Protein backbone atom coordinates (compact mmCIF):
# COMPACT_ATOMS: atom_id res chain seq x y z
CA UNK A 1 -9.98 19.29 -9.24
CA UNK A 2 -6.72 18.08 -8.13
CA UNK A 3 -6.82 19.95 -4.87
CA UNK A 4 -3.35 21.33 -5.24
CA UNK A 5 -1.68 18.08 -5.96
CA UNK A 6 0.01 17.37 -9.35
CA UNK A 7 -1.00 14.42 -11.49
CA UNK A 8 1.93 12.32 -10.60
CA UNK A 9 0.70 12.23 -6.83
CA UNK A 10 -2.69 11.18 -8.05
CA UNK A 11 -1.64 8.35 -10.18
CA UNK A 12 0.70 6.96 -7.55
CA UNK A 13 -2.11 6.87 -5.22
CA UNK A 14 -4.23 4.99 -7.69
CA UNK A 15 -1.43 2.45 -8.25
CA UNK A 16 -1.21 1.90 -4.42
CA UNK A 17 -4.86 1.51 -4.18
CA UNK A 18 -4.94 -1.05 -7.11
CA UNK A 19 -2.15 -3.02 -5.55
CA UNK A 20 -3.72 -3.10 -2.13
CA UNK A 21 -7.13 -4.33 -3.66
CA UNK A 22 -5.21 -6.88 -5.69
CA UNK A 23 -3.55 -8.19 -2.47
CA UNK A 24 -6.80 -8.32 -0.66
CA UNK A 25 -8.48 -10.19 -3.42
CA UNK A 26 -5.60 -12.63 -3.58
CA UNK A 27 -5.47 -13.19 0.19
CA UNK A 28 -9.38 -13.78 -0.06
CA UNK A 29 -8.85 -16.23 -2.76
CA UNK A 30 -6.17 -18.10 -0.72
CA UNK A 31 -7.94 -18.09 2.71
CA UNK A 32 -11.64 -17.70 2.43
CA UNK A 33 -12.46 -19.42 -0.88
CA UNK A 34 -11.03 -22.88 0.23
CA UNK A 35 -13.23 -22.86 3.25
CA UNK A 36 -16.32 -22.02 1.05
CA UNK A 37 -15.35 -24.98 -1.08
CA UNK A 38 -15.02 -27.25 1.98
CA UNK A 39 -18.32 -26.15 3.20
CA UNK A 40 -19.78 -26.79 -0.22
CA UNK A 41 -18.40 -30.30 -0.62
CA UNK A 42 -19.04 -31.24 3.08
CA UNK A 43 -22.47 -32.83 2.40
CA UNK A 44 -20.94 -35.03 -0.49
CA UNK A 45 -18.11 -36.18 1.67
CA UNK A 46 -20.58 -37.12 4.39
CA UNK A 47 -22.73 -39.21 2.01
CA UNK A 48 -19.52 -40.99 0.61
CA UNK A 49 -18.37 -41.84 4.12
CA UNK A 50 -21.86 -43.13 5.10
CA UNK A 51 -22.24 -45.34 2.02
CA UNK A 52 -18.70 -46.47 1.42
CA UNK A 53 -16.97 -46.02 4.86
CA UNK A 54 -13.67 -44.31 5.46
CA UNK A 55 -10.91 -45.06 2.81
CA UNK A 56 -8.14 -47.21 3.99
CA UNK A 57 -5.56 -45.78 1.82
CA UNK A 58 -5.28 -43.33 -1.04
CA UNK A 59 -3.20 -44.29 -3.95
């Protein structure tokens, strides 16, 4: 079942895979999700600009 490897080798590999999956998910959250949010809010932003104009300052 372990194909000649001991249990420590298998659990170490699982930890690496879990760490790699965590890093990939965190990277997706930090890079891809903001882009999706921007695309989702874009129609609202365009509507706001068309009705109220561009803001002069943000306080």
